Structure formats: C-alpha cells, structure tokens
N, C-alpha and C. Protein backbone atom coordinates (compact mmCIF):
# COMPACT_ATOMS: atom_id res chain seq x y z
N UNK A 1 89.93 101.64 165.30
CA UNK A 1 90.81 100.59 164.82
C UNK A 1 91.32 100.90 163.42
N UNK A 2 90.51 101.52 162.57
CA UNK A 2 90.96 101.84 161.23
C UNK A 2 92.12 102.82 161.24
N UNK A 3 92.11 103.74 162.18
CA UNK A 3 93.19 104.71 162.29
C UNK A 3 94.51 104.02 162.61
N UNK A 4 94.48 103.06 163.51
CA UNK A 4 95.70 102.35 163.89
C UNK A 4 96.24 101.53 162.73
N UNK A 5 95.39 100.89 161.97
CA UNK A 5 95.83 100.08 160.86
C UNK A 5 96.39 100.93 159.73
N UNK A 6 95.90 102.14 159.56
CA UNK A 6 96.42 102.99 158.50
C UNK A 6 97.82 103.50 158.82
N UNK A 7 98.21 103.50 160.09
CA UNK A 7 99.55 103.92 160.48
C UNK A 7 100.58 102.81 160.30
N UNK A 8 100.16 101.58 160.20
CA UNK A 8 101.06 100.45 160.13
C UNK A 8 102.06 100.55 158.97
N UNK A 9 101.64 100.76 157.73
CA UNK A 9 102.63 100.88 156.66
C UNK A 9 103.59 102.05 156.86
N UNK A 10 103.10 103.13 157.39
CA UNK A 10 103.94 104.29 157.63
C UNK A 10 105.00 104.00 158.68
N UNK A 11 104.66 103.23 159.70
CA UNK A 11 105.62 102.90 160.74
C UNK A 11 106.60 101.80 160.31
N UNK A 12 106.19 100.93 159.42
CA UNK A 12 107.06 99.86 158.96
C UNK A 12 108.06 100.30 157.89
N UNK A 13 107.77 101.38 157.21
CA UNK A 13 108.65 101.86 156.15
C UNK A 13 110.06 102.13 156.64
N UNK A 14 110.27 102.85 157.75
CA UNK A 14 111.65 103.04 158.21
C UNK A 14 112.35 101.75 158.59
N UNK A 15 111.62 100.80 159.12
CA UNK A 15 112.22 99.52 159.49
C UNK A 15 112.75 98.81 158.24
N UNK A 16 111.93 98.75 157.23
CA UNK A 16 112.36 98.08 156.01
C UNK A 16 113.47 98.84 155.31
N UNK A 17 113.42 100.16 155.37
CA UNK A 17 114.45 100.98 154.74
C UNK A 17 115.79 100.83 155.45
N UNK A 18 115.77 100.87 156.77
CA UNK A 18 117.00 100.84 157.54
C UNK A 18 117.48 99.44 157.88
N UNK A 19 116.76 98.44 157.47
CA UNK A 19 117.14 97.07 157.83
C UNK A 19 118.44 96.64 157.16
N UNK A 20 118.88 97.38 156.17
CA UNK A 20 120.12 97.04 155.47
C UNK A 20 121.36 97.65 156.06
N UNK A 21 121.30 98.28 157.22
CA UNK A 21 122.48 98.89 157.83
C UNK A 21 123.48 97.81 158.22
N UNK A 22 124.73 98.00 157.86
CA UNK A 22 125.78 97.05 158.20
C UNK A 22 126.55 96.63 156.97
N UNK A 23 127.60 95.87 157.19
CA UNK A 23 128.46 95.42 156.10
C UNK A 23 128.36 93.93 155.84
N UNK A 24 128.00 93.16 156.85
CA UNK A 24 127.92 91.71 156.69
C UNK A 24 126.47 91.26 156.78
N UNK A 25 126.23 90.03 156.37
CA UNK A 25 124.88 89.48 156.46
C UNK A 25 124.38 89.48 157.89
N UNK A 26 125.25 89.10 158.82
CA UNK A 26 124.86 89.03 160.23
C UNK A 26 124.52 90.40 160.78
N UNK A 27 125.35 91.40 160.47
CA UNK A 27 125.07 92.73 161.02
C UNK A 27 123.83 93.35 160.39
N UNK A 28 123.61 93.10 159.12
CA UNK A 28 122.41 93.63 158.47
C UNK A 28 121.16 92.97 159.02
N UNK A 29 121.19 91.67 159.18
CA UNK A 29 120.03 90.96 159.74
C UNK A 29 119.82 91.35 161.19
N UNK A 30 120.91 91.50 161.95
CA UNK A 30 120.80 91.89 163.35
C UNK A 30 120.24 93.29 163.54
N UNK A 31 120.74 94.24 162.74
CA UNK A 31 120.22 95.60 162.87
C UNK A 31 118.76 95.66 162.43
N UNK A 32 118.42 94.88 161.42
CA UNK A 32 117.02 94.83 161.00
C UNK A 32 116.13 94.25 162.08
N UNK A 33 116.63 93.23 162.78
CA UNK A 33 115.85 92.61 163.85
C UNK A 33 115.63 93.58 165.00
N UNK A 34 116.67 94.33 165.37
CA UNK A 34 116.53 95.28 166.48
C UNK A 34 115.56 96.41 166.14
N UNK A 35 115.71 96.96 164.94
CA UNK A 35 114.80 98.04 164.55
C UNK A 35 113.37 97.52 164.39
N UNK A 36 113.25 96.32 163.83
CA UNK A 36 111.93 95.72 163.67
C UNK A 36 111.26 95.43 164.99
N UNK A 37 112.04 94.95 165.96
CA UNK A 37 111.47 94.65 167.27
C UNK A 37 111.00 95.92 167.96
N UNK A 38 111.79 96.98 167.88
CA UNK A 38 111.40 98.24 168.50
C UNK A 38 110.14 98.81 167.86
N UNK A 39 110.10 98.81 166.55
CA UNK A 39 108.93 99.33 165.86
C UNK A 39 107.73 98.43 166.10
N UNK A 40 107.94 97.13 166.07
CA UNK A 40 106.85 96.19 166.32
C UNK A 40 106.29 96.32 167.71
N UNK A 41 107.15 96.57 168.70
CA UNK A 41 106.66 96.76 170.07
C UNK A 41 105.81 98.02 170.16
N UNK A 42 106.25 99.07 169.47
CA UNK A 42 105.46 100.31 169.48
C UNK A 42 104.10 100.11 168.83
N UNK A 43 104.09 99.42 167.70
CA UNK A 43 102.82 99.15 167.02
C UNK A 43 101.97 98.20 167.85
N UNK A 44 102.61 97.18 168.42
CA UNK A 44 101.88 96.22 169.24
C UNK A 44 101.27 96.84 170.48
N UNK A 45 101.95 97.85 171.04
CA UNK A 45 101.39 98.50 172.23
C UNK A 45 100.10 99.25 171.90
N UNK A 46 99.97 99.69 170.65
CA UNK A 46 98.73 100.35 170.24
C UNK A 46 97.57 99.35 170.19
N UNK A 47 97.88 98.11 169.86
CA UNK A 47 96.84 97.10 169.76
C UNK A 47 96.70 96.27 171.03
N UNK A 48 97.55 96.53 172.02
CA UNK A 48 97.41 95.84 173.29
C UNK A 48 98.32 94.64 173.49
N UNK A 49 99.24 94.37 172.54
CA UNK A 49 100.13 93.23 172.70
C UNK A 49 101.52 93.59 172.16
N UNK A 50 102.30 94.26 172.99
CA UNK A 50 103.63 94.71 172.58
C UNK A 50 104.57 93.54 172.29
N UNK A 51 104.45 92.46 173.03
CA UNK A 51 105.32 91.29 172.82
C UNK A 51 105.13 90.67 171.46
N UNK A 52 103.90 90.48 171.07
CA UNK A 52 103.61 89.91 169.76
C UNK A 52 104.08 90.84 168.65
N UNK A 53 103.86 92.15 168.84
CA UNK A 53 104.32 93.13 167.86
C UNK A 53 105.82 93.12 167.72
N UNK A 54 106.54 93.00 168.84
CA UNK A 54 108.00 92.96 168.80
C UNK A 54 108.49 91.71 168.07
N UNK A 55 107.86 90.59 168.32
CA UNK A 55 108.25 89.34 167.66
C UNK A 55 108.02 89.42 166.15
N UNK A 56 106.88 89.92 165.76
CA UNK A 56 106.59 90.06 164.33
C UNK A 56 107.55 91.06 163.69
N UNK A 57 107.78 92.18 164.37
CA UNK A 57 108.70 93.18 163.85
C UNK A 57 110.12 92.66 163.72
N UNK A 58 110.57 91.89 164.70
CA UNK A 58 111.92 91.33 164.64
C UNK A 58 112.05 90.36 163.46
N UNK A 59 111.05 89.53 163.27
CA UNK A 59 111.08 88.60 162.14
C UNK A 59 111.10 89.32 160.81
N UNK A 60 110.30 90.36 160.70
CA UNK A 60 110.27 91.16 159.48
C UNK A 60 111.61 91.85 159.25
N UNK A 61 112.19 92.37 160.33
CA UNK A 61 113.48 93.04 160.22
C UNK A 61 114.61 92.10 159.81
N UNK A 62 114.63 90.90 160.36
CA UNK A 62 115.65 89.92 159.98
C UNK A 62 115.51 89.59 158.50
N UNK A 63 114.30 89.34 158.07
CA UNK A 63 114.07 89.01 156.67
C UNK A 63 114.47 90.17 155.76
N UNK A 64 114.08 91.39 156.14
CA UNK A 64 114.44 92.56 155.34
C UNK A 64 115.94 92.77 155.26
N UNK A 65 116.63 92.62 156.38
CA UNK A 65 118.09 92.77 156.39
C UNK A 65 118.78 91.70 155.56
N UNK A 66 118.31 90.48 155.66
CA UNK A 66 118.89 89.39 154.87
C UNK A 66 118.68 89.61 153.38
N UNK A 67 117.45 89.97 153.00
CA UNK A 67 117.17 90.19 151.58
C UNK A 67 117.96 91.36 151.02
N UNK A 68 118.11 92.43 151.81
CA UNK A 68 118.91 93.57 151.38
C UNK A 68 120.37 93.15 151.19
N UNK A 69 120.89 92.36 152.11
CA UNK A 69 122.26 91.89 151.99
C UNK A 69 122.45 91.05 150.74
N UNK A 70 121.52 90.16 150.48
CA UNK A 70 121.62 89.32 149.27
C UNK A 70 121.53 90.15 148.00
N UNK A 71 120.72 91.19 148.03
CA UNK A 71 120.62 92.09 146.88
C UNK A 71 121.94 92.83 146.66
N UNK A 72 122.55 93.31 147.75
CA UNK A 72 123.82 94.04 147.65
C UNK A 72 124.94 93.14 147.14
N UNK A 73 124.87 91.88 147.45
CA UNK A 73 125.89 90.93 146.99
C UNK A 73 125.64 90.47 145.56
N UNK A 74 124.52 90.83 144.98
CA UNK A 74 124.21 90.45 143.62
C UNK A 74 123.53 89.12 143.49
N UNK A 75 123.10 88.53 144.58
CA UNK A 75 122.42 87.23 144.52
C UNK A 75 120.95 87.36 144.16
N UNK A 76 120.37 88.54 144.37
CA UNK A 76 118.98 88.80 144.05
C UNK A 76 118.93 90.05 143.19
N UNK A 77 118.26 89.98 142.07
CA UNK A 77 118.15 91.16 141.21
C UNK A 77 116.98 92.01 141.58
C-alpha cells in the first residue's frame, strides 16, 4: 500500500499541470476535468475503486483548471 500512495503525487502532477489547457474558463475547467477523471480512474483502479478515483480526479481537475484560468486573467496572484 505504501508503494501505491507514493505514486499518487507523481501521477497527479501532470493533471494539475495540464489542467490549464484552453482559452476560456469553461474549456480550461473541462479539460482539467477530463484529464483528472482519466488519471483518477487509473489511480482508483490500483486501489480497487476506479469510479471513486475518477470522481475525485475530475473534481480536482475542474478546480485546477478554474484556478489556473483565474490566475491567467489576473484575478489571483
């Protein structure tokens, strides 16, 4: 179990990095959600619950995409 948990930050890094793809808030949040769901499903399948992992990943991706968009617009420093 420790091995699986140590991979989690490594697998989430690309999701958070790429969650800002797009030009609008909607496209950035949407792309973040899709990448997050895919990565979350992969991580969740290691722990035996791909659905829960996908849901958590999608939520993280939406949040990451939204925050990146707000940063790019100058609303968040």
